[in-house]
Amino acid sequence: MTDGFMGPPWQMDWRFDARAAFEALPGHVREIVQAARVELVTAKDPYFRGIETDACLPDGTQVMPVRSGDPKGPHLLLFDDEHGWLKYTFVPRIADPQIIVEELFWQ
């Protein structure tokens, strides 16, 4: 165990229904989600706070809070030019910080 707060890469845990939705996506959409996932788990701050901090995300992808009044709450990772989203929360525990994917949707 390390001393102090752990940094990236973050662990990512999926709810069963979100994982099932991911596995049901067409191959090209799964690749988009995987590319965005890599950026999320390696980001210094998975919420990408600030101006132009999500510039490293794949094209057609952006991160935003579900509610603007709750910047530390659940966030959406919009992908495929907003045809889909991944709703997640970041739990910044000292011992085991992780990203939890709560919902995945694509149309």
N, C-alpha and C. Protein backbone atom coordinates (compact mmCIF):
# COMPACT_ATOMS: atom_id res chain seq x y z
N MET A 1 0.85 -1.18 0.00
CA MET A 1 0.00 0.00 0.00
C MET A 1 0.89 1.24 0.00
N THR A 2 0.48 2.24 -0.73
CA THR A 2 1.25 3.47 -0.82
C THR A 2 0.76 4.48 0.20
N ASP A 3 1.60 5.44 0.51
CA ASP A 3 1.21 6.51 1.43
C ASP A 3 0.54 7.62 0.64
N GLY A 4 -0.55 8.16 1.17
CA GLY A 4 -1.21 9.29 0.53
C GLY A 4 -2.13 8.88 -0.61
N PHE A 5 -2.63 9.89 -1.29
CA PHE A 5 -3.61 9.71 -2.36
C PHE A 5 -2.97 9.09 -3.60
N MET A 6 -3.62 8.07 -4.13
CA MET A 6 -3.12 7.43 -5.35
C MET A 6 -3.56 8.24 -6.56
N GLY A 7 -2.78 8.18 -7.62
CA GLY A 7 -3.12 8.91 -8.83
C GLY A 7 -3.44 7.97 -9.97
N PRO A 8 -3.57 8.51 -11.17
CA PRO A 8 -3.91 7.67 -12.32
C PRO A 8 -2.81 6.66 -12.61
N PRO A 9 -3.11 5.58 -13.28
CA PRO A 9 -4.41 5.24 -13.85
C PRO A 9 -5.40 4.80 -12.78
N TRP A 10 -6.63 5.26 -12.94
CA TRP A 10 -7.71 4.94 -12.01
C TRP A 10 -8.30 3.57 -12.35
N GLN A 11 -8.85 2.94 -11.34
CA GLN A 11 -9.63 1.72 -11.57
C GLN A 11 -10.98 2.14 -12.13
N MET A 12 -11.57 1.29 -12.97
CA MET A 12 -12.91 1.57 -13.48
C MET A 12 -13.78 0.35 -13.22
N ASP A 13 -14.90 0.58 -12.56
CA ASP A 13 -15.85 -0.48 -12.24
C ASP A 13 -17.16 -0.17 -12.96
N TRP A 14 -17.80 -1.18 -13.50
CA TRP A 14 -19.05 -1.00 -14.26
C TRP A 14 -20.20 -1.66 -13.51
N ARG A 15 -21.35 -1.00 -13.48
CA ARG A 15 -22.56 -1.70 -13.04
C ARG A 15 -22.86 -2.77 -14.06
N PHE A 16 -23.50 -3.85 -13.65
CA PHE A 16 -23.76 -4.96 -14.57
C PHE A 16 -24.57 -4.53 -15.78
N ASP A 17 -25.60 -3.69 -15.58
CA ASP A 17 -26.42 -3.27 -16.71
C ASP A 17 -25.65 -2.35 -17.66
N ALA A 18 -24.74 -1.53 -17.13
CA ALA A 18 -23.92 -0.68 -17.99
C ALA A 18 -22.93 -1.53 -18.79
N ARG A 19 -22.35 -2.55 -18.17
CA ARG A 19 -21.43 -3.46 -18.88
C ARG A 19 -22.18 -4.23 -19.97
N ALA A 20 -23.41 -4.67 -19.68
CA ALA A 20 -24.20 -5.38 -20.69
C ALA A 20 -24.53 -4.46 -21.86
N ALA A 21 -24.84 -3.20 -21.57
CA ALA A 21 -25.12 -2.24 -22.64
C ALA A 21 -23.88 -2.01 -23.49
N PHE A 22 -22.70 -1.94 -22.86
CA PHE A 22 -21.45 -1.77 -23.59
C PHE A 22 -21.20 -2.96 -24.51
N GLU A 23 -21.38 -4.15 -24.01
CA GLU A 23 -21.12 -5.35 -24.80
C GLU A 23 -22.12 -5.52 -25.95
N ALA A 24 -23.28 -4.89 -25.85
CA ALA A 24 -24.29 -4.97 -26.91
C ALA A 24 -24.08 -3.94 -28.01
N LEU A 25 -23.14 -3.00 -27.83
CA LEU A 25 -22.89 -1.97 -28.83
C LEU A 25 -22.22 -2.56 -30.06
N PRO A 26 -22.44 -1.93 -31.22
CA PRO A 26 -21.69 -2.34 -32.43
C PRO A 26 -20.19 -2.13 -32.20
N GLY A 27 -19.37 -2.87 -32.90
CA GLY A 27 -17.92 -2.82 -32.73
C GLY A 27 -17.31 -1.44 -32.84
N HIS A 28 -17.73 -0.66 -33.85
CA HIS A 28 -17.13 0.66 -34.03
C HIS A 28 -17.47 1.60 -32.87
N VAL A 29 -18.64 1.43 -32.27
CA VAL A 29 -19.03 2.27 -31.13
C VAL A 29 -18.26 1.83 -29.88
N ARG A 30 -18.06 0.52 -29.70
CA ARG A 30 -17.26 0.03 -28.58
C ARG A 30 -15.84 0.61 -28.64
N GLU A 31 -15.29 0.74 -29.85
CA GLU A 31 -13.95 1.32 -30.00
C GLU A 31 -13.93 2.78 -29.56
N ILE A 32 -14.98 3.53 -29.88
CA ILE A 32 -15.08 4.93 -29.45
C ILE A 32 -15.12 5.01 -27.93
N VAL A 33 -15.95 4.15 -27.31
CA VAL A 33 -16.08 4.14 -25.85
C VAL A 33 -14.75 3.74 -25.21
N GLN A 34 -14.06 2.76 -25.78
CA GLN A 34 -12.77 2.32 -25.23
C GLN A 34 -11.74 3.45 -25.31
N ALA A 35 -11.71 4.19 -26.41
CA ALA A 35 -10.76 5.30 -26.54
C ALA A 35 -11.05 6.38 -25.49
N ALA A 36 -12.33 6.68 -25.28
CA ALA A 36 -12.70 7.66 -24.26
C ALA A 36 -12.39 7.12 -22.87
N ARG A 37 -12.59 5.83 -22.66
CA ARG A 37 -12.29 5.20 -21.37
C ARG A 37 -10.81 5.33 -21.03
N VAL A 38 -9.95 5.14 -22.01
CA VAL A 38 -8.51 5.27 -21.78
C VAL A 38 -8.18 6.68 -21.29
N GLU A 39 -8.79 7.68 -21.91
CA GLU A 39 -8.54 9.05 -21.48
C GLU A 39 -9.05 9.29 -20.07
N LEU A 40 -10.21 8.72 -19.73
CA LEU A 40 -10.76 8.90 -18.39
C LEU A 40 -9.87 8.30 -17.31
N VAL A 41 -9.43 7.07 -17.50
CA VAL A 41 -8.67 6.40 -16.44
C VAL A 41 -7.25 6.93 -16.31
N THR A 42 -6.75 7.63 -17.33
CA THR A 42 -5.39 8.18 -17.24
C THR A 42 -5.37 9.68 -16.96
N ALA A 43 -6.53 10.32 -16.90
CA ALA A 43 -6.59 11.77 -16.64
C ALA A 43 -6.23 12.07 -15.19
N LYS A 44 -5.56 13.19 -14.99
CA LYS A 44 -5.24 13.61 -13.62
C LYS A 44 -6.52 13.85 -12.84
N ASP A 45 -7.51 14.44 -13.48
CA ASP A 45 -8.81 14.69 -12.87
C ASP A 45 -9.88 14.12 -13.80
N PRO A 46 -10.52 12.99 -13.44
CA PRO A 46 -11.51 12.38 -14.33
C PRO A 46 -12.73 13.25 -14.63
N TYR A 47 -12.87 14.36 -13.92
CA TYR A 47 -13.99 15.25 -14.21
C TYR A 47 -13.59 16.35 -15.19
N PHE A 48 -12.33 16.42 -15.61
CA PHE A 48 -11.86 17.36 -16.63
C PHE A 48 -12.33 18.78 -16.34
N ARG A 49 -12.09 19.25 -15.13
CA ARG A 49 -12.52 20.60 -14.75
C ARG A 49 -11.66 21.66 -15.43
N GLY A 50 -12.27 22.76 -15.79
CA GLY A 50 -11.54 23.88 -16.37
C GLY A 50 -11.82 24.05 -17.84
N ILE A 51 -11.19 25.06 -18.41
CA ILE A 51 -11.40 25.40 -19.81
C ILE A 51 -10.45 24.57 -20.67
N GLU A 52 -11.01 23.94 -21.70
CA GLU A 52 -10.22 23.16 -22.66
C GLU A 52 -9.42 22.02 -22.04
N THR A 53 -9.87 21.53 -20.89
CA THR A 53 -9.13 20.42 -20.27
C THR A 53 -9.53 19.08 -20.86
N ASP A 54 -10.63 19.04 -21.58
CA ASP A 54 -11.02 17.77 -22.21
C ASP A 54 -10.55 17.71 -23.67
N ALA A 55 -9.59 18.56 -24.03
CA ALA A 55 -9.08 18.59 -25.40
C ALA A 55 -8.39 17.30 -25.79
N CYS A 56 -7.94 16.51 -24.81
CA CYS A 56 -7.26 15.25 -25.12
C CYS A 56 -8.24 14.12 -25.40
N LEU A 57 -9.53 14.36 -25.24
CA LEU A 57 -10.52 13.33 -25.53
C LEU A 57 -10.65 13.12 -27.04
N PRO A 58 -11.08 11.93 -27.47
CA PRO A 58 -11.27 11.68 -28.91
C PRO A 58 -12.27 12.67 -29.51
N ASP A 59 -12.15 12.92 -30.81
CA ASP A 59 -13.09 13.82 -31.49
C ASP A 59 -14.52 13.34 -31.28
N GLY A 60 -15.43 14.31 -31.10
CA GLY A 60 -16.84 13.98 -30.89
C GLY A 60 -17.15 13.53 -29.48
N THR A 61 -16.20 13.75 -28.55
CA THR A 61 -16.35 13.32 -27.16
C THR A 61 -16.14 14.51 -26.24
N GLN A 62 -16.95 14.60 -25.20
CA GLN A 62 -16.77 15.65 -24.20
C GLN A 62 -17.29 15.18 -22.85
N VAL A 63 -16.84 15.84 -21.79
CA VAL A 63 -17.24 15.51 -20.43
C VAL A 63 -17.93 16.72 -19.83
N MET A 64 -19.05 16.46 -19.12
CA MET A 64 -19.76 17.55 -18.45
C MET A 64 -20.49 17.00 -17.23
N PRO A 65 -20.69 17.84 -16.21
CA PRO A 65 -21.45 17.38 -15.05
C PRO A 65 -22.91 17.16 -15.42
N VAL A 66 -23.55 16.20 -14.75
CA VAL A 66 -24.98 15.97 -14.98
C VAL A 66 -25.75 17.21 -14.57
N ARG A 67 -25.39 17.80 -13.43
CA ARG A 67 -25.99 19.05 -12.96
C ARG A 67 -24.88 20.06 -12.75
N SER A 68 -25.01 21.23 -13.35
CA SER A 68 -23.95 22.24 -13.25
C SER A 68 -23.74 22.70 -11.81
N GLY A 69 -24.75 22.59 -10.98
CA GLY A 69 -24.63 23.00 -9.59
C GLY A 69 -23.92 21.97 -8.71
N ASP A 70 -23.55 20.82 -9.28
CA ASP A 70 -22.89 19.75 -8.54
C ASP A 70 -21.65 19.30 -9.30
N PRO A 71 -20.58 20.13 -9.32
CA PRO A 71 -19.41 19.81 -10.13
C PRO A 71 -18.63 18.58 -9.65
N LYS A 72 -18.86 18.12 -8.43
CA LYS A 72 -18.18 16.92 -7.94
C LYS A 72 -19.09 15.70 -7.96
N GLY A 73 -20.27 15.85 -8.55
CA GLY A 73 -21.23 14.75 -8.62
C GLY A 73 -21.07 13.95 -9.91
N PRO A 74 -22.10 13.21 -10.28
CA PRO A 74 -22.04 12.40 -11.50
C PRO A 74 -21.74 13.24 -12.73
N HIS A 75 -21.04 12.64 -13.68
CA HIS A 75 -20.68 13.31 -14.93
C HIS A 75 -21.11 12.45 -16.11
N LEU A 76 -21.26 13.12 -17.25
CA LEU A 76 -21.55 12.44 -18.51
C LEU A 76 -20.34 12.55 -19.41
N LEU A 77 -20.00 11.44 -20.02
CA LEU A 77 -19.02 11.44 -21.09
C LEU A 77 -19.83 11.24 -22.36
N LEU A 78 -20.01 12.32 -23.12
CA LEU A 78 -20.76 12.25 -24.37
C LEU A 78 -19.82 11.74 -25.46
N PHE A 79 -20.29 10.80 -26.29
CA PHE A 79 -19.43 10.26 -27.34
C PHE A 79 -20.22 10.09 -28.62
N ASP A 80 -19.52 9.83 -29.70
CA ASP A 80 -20.11 9.64 -31.02
C ASP A 80 -20.97 10.85 -31.39
N ASP A 81 -20.37 12.05 -31.23
CA ASP A 81 -21.05 13.31 -31.53
C ASP A 81 -22.42 13.40 -30.85
N GLU A 82 -22.43 13.06 -29.57
CA GLU A 82 -23.60 13.13 -28.70
C GLU A 82 -24.70 12.13 -29.05
N HIS A 83 -24.36 11.05 -29.76
CA HIS A 83 -25.33 9.98 -30.00
C HIS A 83 -25.38 9.01 -28.82
N GLY A 84 -24.42 9.14 -27.92
CA GLY A 84 -24.40 8.26 -26.76
C GLY A 84 -23.75 8.93 -25.57
N TRP A 85 -23.99 8.36 -24.39
CA TRP A 85 -23.34 8.88 -23.20
C TRP A 85 -23.01 7.75 -22.25
N LEU A 86 -22.05 8.06 -21.41
CA LEU A 86 -21.62 7.17 -20.34
C LEU A 86 -21.71 8.01 -19.07
N LYS A 87 -22.57 7.62 -18.14
CA LYS A 87 -22.72 8.36 -16.89
C LYS A 87 -21.83 7.70 -15.85
N TYR A 88 -20.98 8.50 -15.19
CA TYR A 88 -20.05 7.94 -14.22
C TYR A 88 -19.85 8.88 -13.04
N THR A 89 -19.35 8.30 -11.96
CA THR A 89 -18.93 9.07 -10.80
C THR A 89 -17.49 8.69 -10.48
N PHE A 90 -16.79 9.60 -9.85
CA PHE A 90 -15.42 9.35 -9.42
C PHE A 90 -15.41 9.34 -7.90
N VAL A 91 -14.93 8.26 -7.32
CA VAL A 91 -14.87 8.12 -5.87
C VAL A 91 -13.39 8.29 -5.47
N PRO A 92 -13.01 9.45 -4.97
CA PRO A 92 -11.58 9.72 -4.70
C PRO A 92 -11.10 9.23 -3.33
N ARG A 93 -11.36 7.96 -3.03
CA ARG A 93 -10.88 7.40 -1.76
C ARG A 93 -9.36 7.32 -1.77
N ILE A 94 -8.75 7.42 -0.61
CA ILE A 94 -7.29 7.34 -0.52
C ILE A 94 -6.82 5.93 -0.83
N ALA A 95 -7.47 4.92 -0.29
CA ALA A 95 -7.01 3.54 -0.46
C ALA A 95 -7.31 2.98 -1.84
N ASP A 96 -8.47 3.31 -2.41
CA ASP A 96 -8.87 2.70 -3.67
C ASP A 96 -9.73 3.65 -4.49
N PRO A 97 -9.15 4.73 -5.05
CA PRO A 97 -9.97 5.63 -5.86
C PRO A 97 -10.40 4.93 -7.14
N GLN A 98 -11.61 5.20 -7.59
CA GLN A 98 -12.07 4.55 -8.81
C GLN A 98 -13.18 5.33 -9.48
N ILE A 99 -13.35 5.03 -10.76
CA ILE A 99 -14.44 5.56 -11.57
C ILE A 99 -15.50 4.47 -11.62
N ILE A 100 -16.75 4.84 -11.38
CA ILE A 100 -17.85 3.88 -11.43
C ILE A 100 -18.78 4.27 -12.56
N VAL A 101 -18.91 3.39 -13.55
CA VAL A 101 -19.81 3.63 -14.67
C VAL A 101 -21.20 3.17 -14.25
N GLU A 102 -22.14 4.11 -14.21
CA GLU A 102 -23.48 3.82 -13.75
C GLU A 102 -24.45 3.50 -14.89
N GLU A 103 -24.22 4.11 -16.06
CA GLU A 103 -25.17 3.95 -17.16
C GLU A 103 -24.46 4.18 -18.48
N LEU A 104 -24.87 3.46 -19.49
CA LEU A 104 -24.35 3.64 -20.85
C LEU A 104 -25.53 3.62 -21.80
N PHE A 105 -25.56 4.59 -22.70
CA PHE A 105 -26.66 4.68 -23.67
C PHE A 105 -26.08 5.08 -25.01
N TRP A 106 -26.61 4.50 -26.06
CA TRP A 106 -26.24 4.88 -27.43
C TRP A 106 -27.45 4.69 -28.33
N GLN A 107 -27.67 5.66 -29.23
CA GLN A 107 -28.81 5.54 -30.17
C GLN A 107 -28.34 5.65 -31.59
